[in-house]
Amino acid sequence: MTAAIELAQTSIEHCGGPFGVVIVKDGQIIGWGSNQVTRHNDPTAHAEIEAIRNACQNITRYALSSCTLYASSQPCPMCLSAIYWARIDKVYYANTYEDASKIGFDDAFIFRELWLPDEQKSITLARIKDPDVQEKALKVFQSWEQSEFKKPY
């Protein structure tokens, strides 16, 4: 956890956000990241995402089962989803959502939005109802099902 907190502080000193993450497997740090949103003009460059990408590259796998993630703050909804996709087993954090909210990082809005029906969300989220478009999109999925390169994840 100390390494994650130190990464968060270093991130601030290098014009990044106040978040740091390390990913550990078998007692060794295999990935690390800090918030790079403003440095890279990338809203997805959260510390958890950066650490997951780094760890996956370092161990040349897209699944991080048997790994533990240490975060300087409780993961936001996007990062929590990425953690599930990465199959990380355990997550430990220091600061809470409430702590982050006090300094301007409020995830409550996103958590509320996720539970709303599509037609009530603050962004437009709607399926294209054109049968030709739907058919073409389904053919891509069928192609994936039959692909020799398919790797389920």
N, C-alpha and C. Protein backbone atom coordinates (compact mmCIF):
# COMPACT_ATOMS: atom_id res chain seq x y z
N MET A 1 0.83 -1.19 0.00
CA MET A 1 0.00 0.00 0.00
C MET A 1 0.87 1.25 0.00
N THR A 2 1.98 1.18 0.70
CA THR A 2 2.89 2.33 0.75
C THR A 2 3.34 2.71 -0.66
N ALA A 3 3.64 1.74 -1.50
CA ALA A 3 4.08 2.03 -2.87
C ALA A 3 2.98 2.73 -3.66
N ALA A 4 1.73 2.33 -3.47
CA ALA A 4 0.61 2.97 -4.17
C ALA A 4 0.46 4.42 -3.73
N ILE A 5 0.58 4.66 -2.45
CA ILE A 5 0.46 6.02 -1.93
C ILE A 5 1.62 6.88 -2.41
N GLU A 6 2.82 6.32 -2.45
CA GLU A 6 3.98 7.06 -2.97
C GLU A 6 3.80 7.40 -4.45
N LEU A 7 3.24 6.47 -5.22
CA LEU A 7 2.96 6.75 -6.64
C LEU A 7 1.96 7.90 -6.78
N ALA A 8 0.97 7.95 -5.91
CA ALA A 8 -0.01 9.03 -5.94
C ALA A 8 0.67 10.38 -5.70
N GLN A 9 1.57 10.43 -4.72
CA GLN A 9 2.27 11.67 -4.44
C GLN A 9 3.18 12.06 -5.61
N THR A 10 3.90 11.10 -6.15
CA THR A 10 4.77 11.37 -7.30
C THR A 10 3.96 11.85 -8.49
N SER A 11 2.77 11.29 -8.67
CA SER A 11 1.91 11.71 -9.77
C SER A 11 1.58 13.20 -9.67
N ILE A 12 1.27 13.66 -8.48
CA ILE A 12 0.97 15.08 -8.28
C ILE A 12 2.18 15.92 -8.66
N GLU A 13 3.35 15.48 -8.27
CA GLU A 13 4.58 16.23 -8.54
C GLU A 13 4.92 16.27 -10.03
N HIS A 14 4.31 15.37 -10.82
CA HIS A 14 4.54 15.34 -12.26
C HIS A 14 3.27 15.71 -13.03
N CYS A 15 2.44 16.53 -12.42
CA CYS A 15 1.23 17.08 -13.05
C CYS A 15 0.14 16.05 -13.31
N GLY A 16 0.13 14.96 -12.58
CA GLY A 16 -0.94 13.98 -12.69
C GLY A 16 -1.90 14.11 -11.53
N GLY A 17 -2.89 13.23 -11.50
CA GLY A 17 -3.88 13.24 -10.42
C GLY A 17 -3.37 12.52 -9.19
N PRO A 18 -4.06 12.68 -8.06
CA PRO A 18 -3.60 12.15 -6.77
C PRO A 18 -3.96 10.69 -6.50
N PHE A 19 -3.66 9.83 -7.46
CA PHE A 19 -4.01 8.42 -7.32
C PHE A 19 -2.85 7.54 -7.78
N GLY A 20 -2.61 6.47 -7.03
CA GLY A 20 -1.57 5.52 -7.39
C GLY A 20 -2.02 4.09 -7.11
N VAL A 21 -1.49 3.15 -7.89
CA VAL A 21 -1.89 1.75 -7.79
C VAL A 21 -0.69 0.85 -8.06
N VAL A 22 -0.59 -0.23 -7.30
CA VAL A 22 0.35 -1.31 -7.63
C VAL A 22 -0.44 -2.61 -7.66
N ILE A 23 0.01 -3.52 -8.52
CA ILE A 23 -0.58 -4.85 -8.61
C ILE A 23 0.49 -5.86 -8.24
N VAL A 24 0.12 -6.77 -7.35
CA VAL A 24 1.07 -7.72 -6.78
C VAL A 24 0.65 -9.14 -7.10
N LYS A 25 1.64 -9.95 -7.47
CA LYS A 25 1.43 -11.39 -7.69
C LYS A 25 2.57 -12.12 -7.01
N ASP A 26 2.24 -13.08 -6.18
CA ASP A 26 3.25 -13.88 -5.47
C ASP A 26 4.26 -12.99 -4.74
N GLY A 27 3.75 -11.93 -4.12
CA GLY A 27 4.60 -11.06 -3.31
C GLY A 27 5.46 -10.07 -4.08
N GLN A 28 5.33 -10.03 -5.40
CA GLN A 28 6.12 -9.13 -6.23
C GLN A 28 5.21 -8.13 -6.94
N ILE A 29 5.64 -6.89 -7.03
CA ILE A 29 4.90 -5.90 -7.81
C ILE A 29 5.11 -6.21 -9.29
N ILE A 30 4.01 -6.46 -9.99
CA ILE A 30 4.10 -6.77 -11.42
C ILE A 30 3.57 -5.64 -12.29
N GLY A 31 2.91 -4.67 -11.66
CA GLY A 31 2.36 -3.54 -12.42
C GLY A 31 2.12 -2.36 -11.51
N TRP A 32 2.21 -1.19 -12.08
CA TRP A 32 2.01 0.03 -11.32
C TRP A 32 1.47 1.10 -12.25
N GLY A 33 0.82 2.06 -11.66
CA GLY A 33 0.28 3.16 -12.44
C GLY A 33 -0.14 4.30 -11.55
N SER A 34 -0.16 5.46 -12.14
CA SER A 34 -0.68 6.64 -11.45
C SER A 34 -1.62 7.35 -12.40
N ASN A 35 -2.42 8.24 -11.87
CA ASN A 35 -3.42 8.93 -12.67
C ASN A 35 -2.75 9.84 -13.68
N GLN A 36 -3.05 9.61 -14.97
CA GLN A 36 -2.45 10.35 -16.08
C GLN A 36 -3.48 11.08 -16.92
N VAL A 37 -4.67 11.26 -16.38
CA VAL A 37 -5.78 11.85 -17.14
C VAL A 37 -5.39 13.20 -17.74
N THR A 38 -4.92 14.11 -16.91
CA THR A 38 -4.62 15.46 -17.42
C THR A 38 -3.30 15.50 -18.17
N ARG A 39 -2.37 14.65 -17.82
CA ARG A 39 -1.09 14.62 -18.53
C ARG A 39 -1.25 14.14 -19.96
N HIS A 40 -2.13 13.16 -20.17
CA HIS A 40 -2.29 12.56 -21.50
C HIS A 40 -3.59 12.96 -22.18
N ASN A 41 -4.37 13.83 -21.54
CA ASN A 41 -5.68 14.19 -22.08
C ASN A 41 -6.49 12.94 -22.43
N ASP A 42 -6.53 12.02 -21.47
CA ASP A 42 -7.21 10.74 -21.66
C ASP A 42 -8.06 10.46 -20.43
N PRO A 43 -9.38 10.57 -20.54
CA PRO A 43 -10.23 10.37 -19.37
C PRO A 43 -10.22 8.94 -18.83
N THR A 44 -9.64 8.00 -19.57
CA THR A 44 -9.56 6.62 -19.09
C THR A 44 -8.21 6.31 -18.43
N ALA A 45 -7.32 7.26 -18.37
CA ALA A 45 -5.97 7.01 -17.85
C ALA A 45 -5.91 7.10 -16.32
N HIS A 46 -6.84 6.42 -15.68
CA HIS A 46 -6.84 6.35 -14.21
C HIS A 46 -5.72 5.42 -13.76
N ALA A 47 -5.32 5.56 -12.52
CA ALA A 47 -4.20 4.76 -11.99
C ALA A 47 -4.45 3.26 -12.13
N GLU A 48 -5.67 2.83 -11.84
CA GLU A 48 -5.98 1.40 -11.93
C GLU A 48 -5.84 0.89 -13.36
N ILE A 49 -6.35 1.66 -14.31
CA ILE A 49 -6.27 1.27 -15.72
C ILE A 49 -4.82 1.20 -16.16
N GLU A 50 -4.05 2.22 -15.79
CA GLU A 50 -2.62 2.26 -16.14
C GLU A 50 -1.89 1.06 -15.53
N ALA A 51 -2.20 0.73 -14.28
CA ALA A 51 -1.54 -0.40 -13.60
C ALA A 51 -1.94 -1.73 -14.23
N ILE A 52 -3.21 -1.88 -14.57
CA ILE A 52 -3.66 -3.12 -15.23
C ILE A 52 -2.95 -3.29 -16.56
N ARG A 53 -2.89 -2.23 -17.35
CA ARG A 53 -2.19 -2.31 -18.64
C ARG A 53 -0.73 -2.67 -18.44
N ASN A 54 -0.09 -2.04 -17.47
CA ASN A 54 1.32 -2.29 -17.20
C ASN A 54 1.55 -3.73 -16.75
N ALA A 55 0.72 -4.21 -15.84
CA ALA A 55 0.87 -5.58 -15.34
C ALA A 55 0.66 -6.59 -16.45
N CYS A 56 -0.37 -6.40 -17.26
CA CYS A 56 -0.65 -7.33 -18.36
C CYS A 56 0.51 -7.37 -19.35
N GLN A 57 1.08 -6.23 -19.65
CA GLN A 57 2.24 -6.20 -20.55
C GLN A 57 3.43 -6.91 -19.91
N ASN A 58 3.62 -6.68 -18.62
CA ASN A 58 4.78 -7.26 -17.95
C ASN A 58 4.71 -8.78 -17.84
N ILE A 59 3.51 -9.33 -17.66
CA ILE A 59 3.41 -10.79 -17.55
C ILE A 59 2.84 -11.43 -18.82
N THR A 60 2.63 -10.62 -19.84
CA THR A 60 2.13 -11.05 -21.15
C THR A 60 0.87 -11.92 -21.06
N ARG A 61 -0.08 -11.43 -20.26
CA ARG A 61 -1.40 -12.06 -20.12
C ARG A 61 -2.44 -10.98 -19.99
N TYR A 62 -3.65 -11.27 -20.41
CA TYR A 62 -4.73 -10.31 -20.25
C TYR A 62 -5.58 -10.58 -19.02
N ALA A 63 -5.29 -11.63 -18.30
CA ALA A 63 -6.01 -11.94 -17.06
C ALA A 63 -5.04 -11.87 -15.90
N LEU A 64 -5.49 -11.24 -14.82
CA LEU A 64 -4.62 -11.05 -13.66
C LEU A 64 -5.18 -11.80 -12.45
N SER A 65 -5.67 -13.02 -12.70
CA SER A 65 -6.14 -13.84 -11.59
C SER A 65 -4.95 -14.13 -10.68
N SER A 66 -5.24 -14.36 -9.43
CA SER A 66 -4.22 -14.58 -8.38
C SER A 66 -3.40 -13.33 -8.11
N CYS A 67 -3.93 -12.17 -8.48
CA CYS A 67 -3.25 -10.90 -8.21
C CYS A 67 -4.06 -10.07 -7.22
N THR A 68 -3.35 -9.17 -6.56
CA THR A 68 -3.95 -8.24 -5.62
C THR A 68 -3.62 -6.83 -6.06
N LEU A 69 -4.62 -5.96 -6.03
CA LEU A 69 -4.44 -4.56 -6.41
C LEU A 69 -4.49 -3.71 -5.15
N TYR A 70 -3.50 -2.85 -4.99
CA TYR A 70 -3.45 -1.90 -3.89
C TYR A 70 -3.60 -0.51 -4.48
N ALA A 71 -4.63 0.22 -4.03
CA ALA A 71 -4.93 1.54 -4.57
C ALA A 71 -4.91 2.58 -3.46
N SER A 72 -4.40 3.75 -3.80
CA SER A 72 -4.38 4.82 -2.81
C SER A 72 -5.79 5.31 -2.50
N SER A 73 -6.75 5.00 -3.38
CA SER A 73 -8.14 5.40 -3.16
C SER A 73 -9.08 4.34 -3.73
N GLN A 74 -10.27 4.30 -3.21
CA GLN A 74 -11.29 3.35 -3.65
C GLN A 74 -11.54 3.51 -5.15
N PRO A 75 -11.52 2.43 -5.92
CA PRO A 75 -11.69 2.52 -7.38
C PRO A 75 -13.05 3.09 -7.79
N CYS A 76 -13.01 3.91 -8.84
CA CYS A 76 -14.23 4.48 -9.41
C CYS A 76 -14.98 3.38 -10.17
N PRO A 77 -16.18 3.67 -10.66
CA PRO A 77 -16.95 2.64 -11.38
C PRO A 77 -16.22 2.08 -12.62
N MET A 78 -15.57 2.95 -13.39
CA MET A 78 -14.84 2.47 -14.57
C MET A 78 -13.72 1.52 -14.16
N CYS A 79 -12.96 1.94 -13.16
CA CYS A 79 -11.83 1.12 -12.73
C CYS A 79 -12.29 -0.18 -12.09
N LEU A 80 -13.36 -0.11 -11.33
CA LEU A 80 -13.89 -1.32 -10.72
C LEU A 80 -14.31 -2.32 -11.80
N SER A 81 -14.92 -1.82 -12.86
CA SER A 81 -15.27 -2.69 -13.99
C SER A 81 -14.03 -3.31 -14.61
N ALA A 82 -13.00 -2.51 -14.81
CA ALA A 82 -11.75 -3.02 -15.38
C ALA A 82 -11.13 -4.07 -14.48
N ILE A 83 -11.22 -3.88 -13.18
CA ILE A 83 -10.69 -4.85 -12.22
C ILE A 83 -11.41 -6.18 -12.38
N TYR A 84 -12.73 -6.12 -12.52
CA TYR A 84 -13.49 -7.36 -12.76
C TYR A 84 -13.08 -8.00 -14.08
N TRP A 85 -12.96 -7.20 -15.15
CA TRP A 85 -12.56 -7.76 -16.45
C TRP A 85 -11.18 -8.38 -16.37
N ALA A 86 -10.29 -7.81 -15.59
CA ALA A 86 -8.92 -8.32 -15.46
C ALA A 86 -8.85 -9.55 -14.55
N ARG A 87 -9.94 -9.85 -13.88
CA ARG A 87 -10.03 -11.03 -13.00
C ARG A 87 -9.12 -10.92 -11.77
N ILE A 88 -8.90 -9.72 -11.31
CA ILE A 88 -8.09 -9.49 -10.11
C ILE A 88 -8.88 -10.01 -8.91
N ASP A 89 -8.21 -10.74 -8.03
CA ASP A 89 -8.89 -11.40 -6.92
C ASP A 89 -9.19 -10.51 -5.73
N LYS A 90 -8.27 -9.61 -5.41
CA LYS A 90 -8.43 -8.80 -4.20
C LYS A 90 -8.05 -7.35 -4.49
N VAL A 91 -8.76 -6.45 -3.83
CA VAL A 91 -8.48 -5.02 -3.94
C VAL A 91 -8.45 -4.43 -2.53
N TYR A 92 -7.37 -3.73 -2.23
CA TYR A 92 -7.26 -3.01 -0.97
C TYR A 92 -7.04 -1.54 -1.29
N TYR A 93 -7.69 -0.66 -0.54
CA TYR A 93 -7.56 0.77 -0.82
C TYR A 93 -7.41 1.54 0.49
N ALA A 94 -6.90 2.77 0.36
CA ALA A 94 -6.70 3.63 1.52
C ALA A 94 -7.84 4.65 1.62
N ASN A 95 -7.86 5.66 0.76
CA ASN A 95 -8.91 6.68 0.80
C ASN A 95 -10.23 6.12 0.28
N THR A 96 -11.33 6.68 0.76
CA THR A 96 -12.67 6.24 0.37
C THR A 96 -13.26 7.16 -0.70
N TYR A 97 -14.43 6.75 -1.23
CA TYR A 97 -15.16 7.60 -2.16
C TYR A 97 -15.45 8.97 -1.52
N GLU A 98 -15.80 8.93 -0.25
CA GLU A 98 -16.13 10.17 0.46
C GLU A 98 -14.91 11.08 0.54
N ASP A 99 -13.73 10.51 0.81
CA ASP A 99 -12.50 11.30 0.86
C ASP A 99 -12.23 11.94 -0.51
N ALA A 100 -12.40 11.17 -1.57
CA ALA A 100 -12.16 11.68 -2.93
C ALA A 100 -13.17 12.77 -3.28
N SER A 101 -14.41 12.58 -2.86
CA SER A 101 -15.44 13.56 -3.14
C SER A 101 -15.10 14.92 -2.53
N LYS A 102 -14.50 14.91 -1.37
CA LYS A 102 -14.15 16.16 -0.68
C LYS A 102 -13.12 16.99 -1.45
N ILE A 103 -12.36 16.35 -2.35
CA ILE A 103 -11.37 17.10 -3.13
C ILE A 103 -11.78 17.21 -4.60
N GLY A 104 -13.06 16.93 -4.89
CA GLY A 104 -13.58 17.17 -6.22
C GLY A 104 -13.72 15.96 -7.12
N PHE A 105 -13.49 14.76 -6.62
CA PHE A 105 -13.63 13.54 -7.42
C PHE A 105 -14.85 12.78 -6.91
N ASP A 106 -16.03 13.13 -7.43
CA ASP A 106 -17.27 12.57 -6.93
C ASP A 106 -17.83 11.55 -7.91
N ASP A 107 -17.82 10.29 -7.52
CA ASP A 107 -18.31 9.20 -8.37
C ASP A 107 -19.78 8.89 -8.14
N ALA A 108 -20.41 9.54 -7.15
CA ALA A 108 -21.80 9.21 -6.81
C ALA A 108 -22.72 9.37 -8.01
N PHE A 109 -22.51 10.40 -8.81
CA PHE A 109 -23.34 10.63 -10.00
C PHE A 109 -23.28 9.43 -10.94
N ILE A 110 -22.08 8.92 -11.18
CA ILE A 110 -21.93 7.79 -12.11
C ILE A 110 -22.59 6.54 -11.53
N PHE A 111 -22.40 6.29 -10.25
CA PHE A 111 -23.05 5.12 -9.64
C PHE A 111 -24.57 5.21 -9.78
N ARG A 112 -25.14 6.39 -9.58
CA ARG A 112 -26.59 6.55 -9.74
C ARG A 112 -27.00 6.32 -11.19
N GLU A 113 -26.26 6.87 -12.12
CA GLU A 113 -26.58 6.74 -13.55
C GLU A 113 -26.58 5.28 -14.00
N LEU A 114 -25.67 4.49 -13.49
CA LEU A 114 -25.57 3.09 -13.91
C LEU A 114 -26.85 2.30 -13.65
N TRP A 115 -27.57 2.66 -12.63
CA TRP A 115 -28.78 1.93 -12.27
C TRP A 115 -30.02 2.42 -13.00
N LEU A 116 -29.94 3.56 -13.66
CA LEU A 116 -31.11 4.10 -14.35
C LEU A 116 -31.38 3.34 -15.65
N PRO A 117 -32.65 3.23 -16.04
CA PRO A 117 -32.95 2.69 -17.37
C PRO A 117 -32.33 3.60 -18.43
N ASP A 118 -31.99 3.05 -19.58
CA ASP A 118 -31.32 3.83 -20.63
C ASP A 118 -32.03 5.14 -20.93
N GLU A 119 -33.35 5.11 -21.00
CA GLU A 119 -34.10 6.32 -21.38
C GLU A 119 -34.06 7.41 -20.31
N GLN A 120 -33.59 7.10 -19.12
CA GLN A 120 -33.50 8.10 -18.04
C GLN A 120 -32.08 8.60 -17.79
N LYS A 121 -31.10 8.04 -18.49
CA LYS A 121 -29.71 8.45 -18.28
C LYS A 121 -29.50 9.88 -18.80
N SER A 122 -28.49 10.55 -18.28
CA SER A 122 -28.23 11.93 -18.69
C SER A 122 -27.57 12.00 -20.07
N ILE A 123 -27.08 10.88 -20.57
CA ILE A 123 -26.56 10.81 -21.94
C ILE A 123 -27.54 9.97 -22.76
N THR A 124 -27.52 10.16 -24.05
CA THR A 124 -28.36 9.33 -24.91
C THR A 124 -27.70 7.97 -25.07
N LEU A 125 -28.43 6.94 -24.71
CA LEU A 125 -27.97 5.57 -24.86
C LEU A 125 -29.13 4.79 -25.46
N ALA A 126 -29.05 4.54 -26.77
CA ALA A 126 -30.18 3.93 -27.46
C ALA A 126 -29.69 2.98 -28.55
N ARG A 127 -30.38 1.87 -28.68
CA ARG A 127 -30.06 0.91 -29.72
C ARG A 127 -30.56 1.41 -31.06
N ILE A 128 -29.74 1.23 -32.08
CA ILE A 128 -30.16 1.54 -33.45
C ILE A 128 -31.18 0.47 -33.85
N LYS A 129 -32.32 0.89 -34.32
CA LYS A 129 -33.41 -0.05 -34.60
C LYS A 129 -33.50 -0.45 -36.06
N ASP A 130 -32.55 -0.06 -36.86
CA ASP A 130 -32.53 -0.42 -38.28
C ASP A 130 -32.18 -1.91 -38.39
N PRO A 131 -33.06 -2.73 -38.96
CA PRO A 131 -32.81 -4.18 -39.05
C PRO A 131 -31.53 -4.52 -39.81
N ASP A 132 -31.19 -3.73 -40.84
CA ASP A 132 -29.95 -3.99 -41.59
C ASP A 132 -28.72 -3.80 -40.70
N VAL A 133 -28.73 -2.76 -39.90
CA VAL A 133 -27.62 -2.49 -38.98
C VAL A 133 -27.52 -3.61 -37.95
N GLN A 134 -28.64 -4.01 -37.39
CA GLN A 134 -28.64 -5.08 -36.40
C GLN A 134 -28.12 -6.38 -36.99
N GLU A 135 -28.55 -6.69 -38.22
CA GLU A 135 -28.10 -7.91 -38.88
C GLU A 135 -26.59 -7.89 -39.11
N LYS A 136 -26.06 -6.75 -39.59
CA LYS A 136 -24.62 -6.63 -39.82
C LYS A 136 -23.84 -6.78 -38.52
N ALA A 137 -24.35 -6.19 -37.47
CA ALA A 137 -23.68 -6.28 -36.17
C ALA A 137 -23.68 -7.72 -35.65
N LEU A 138 -24.80 -8.41 -35.81
CA LEU A 138 -24.87 -9.81 -35.37
C LEU A 138 -23.93 -10.70 -36.18
N LYS A 139 -23.74 -10.39 -37.46
CA LYS A 139 -22.82 -11.17 -38.29
C LYS A 139 -21.39 -11.07 -37.76
N VAL A 140 -21.03 -9.92 -37.22
CA VAL A 140 -19.70 -9.78 -36.62
C VAL A 140 -19.57 -10.73 -35.44
N PHE A 141 -20.59 -10.81 -34.61
CA PHE A 141 -20.55 -11.74 -33.47
C PHE A 141 -20.47 -13.19 -33.94
N GLN A 142 -21.20 -13.51 -35.00
CA GLN A 142 -21.15 -14.86 -35.55
C GLN A 142 -19.75 -15.16 -36.09
N SER A 143 -19.15 -14.17 -36.71
CA SER A 143 -17.78 -14.32 -37.21
C SER A 143 -16.83 -14.61 -36.06
N TRP A 144 -17.02 -13.90 -34.96
CA TRP A 144 -16.18 -14.12 -33.76
C TRP A 144 -16.36 -15.55 -33.25
N GLU A 145 -17.59 -16.02 -33.20
CA GLU A 145 -17.86 -17.37 -32.70
C GLU A 145 -17.13 -18.43 -33.52
N GLN A 146 -16.96 -18.17 -34.82
CA GLN A 146 -16.35 -19.14 -35.72
C GLN A 146 -14.86 -18.90 -35.96
N SER A 147 -14.33 -17.82 -35.42
CA SER A 147 -12.95 -17.45 -35.69
C SER A 147 -11.95 -18.41 -35.05
N GLU A 148 -10.92 -18.75 -35.81
CA GLU A 148 -9.85 -19.58 -35.27
C GLU A 148 -8.96 -18.78 -34.30
N PHE A 149 -9.10 -17.47 -34.32
CA PHE A 149 -8.30 -16.60 -33.46
C PHE A 149 -9.01 -16.24 -32.17
N LYS A 150 -10.22 -16.74 -31.97
CA LYS A 150 -11.03 -16.40 -30.80
C LYS A 150 -10.36 -16.89 -29.51
N LYS A 151 -10.22 -15.96 -28.58
CA LYS A 151 -9.76 -16.29 -27.24
C LYS A 151 -10.79 -15.75 -26.26
N PRO A 152 -11.59 -16.62 -25.70
CA PRO A 152 -12.60 -16.14 -24.76
C PRO A 152 -11.95 -15.46 -23.56
N TYR A 153 -12.53 -14.38 -23.15
CA TYR A 153 -12.08 -13.68 -21.94
C TYR A 153 -13.27 -13.19 -21.23
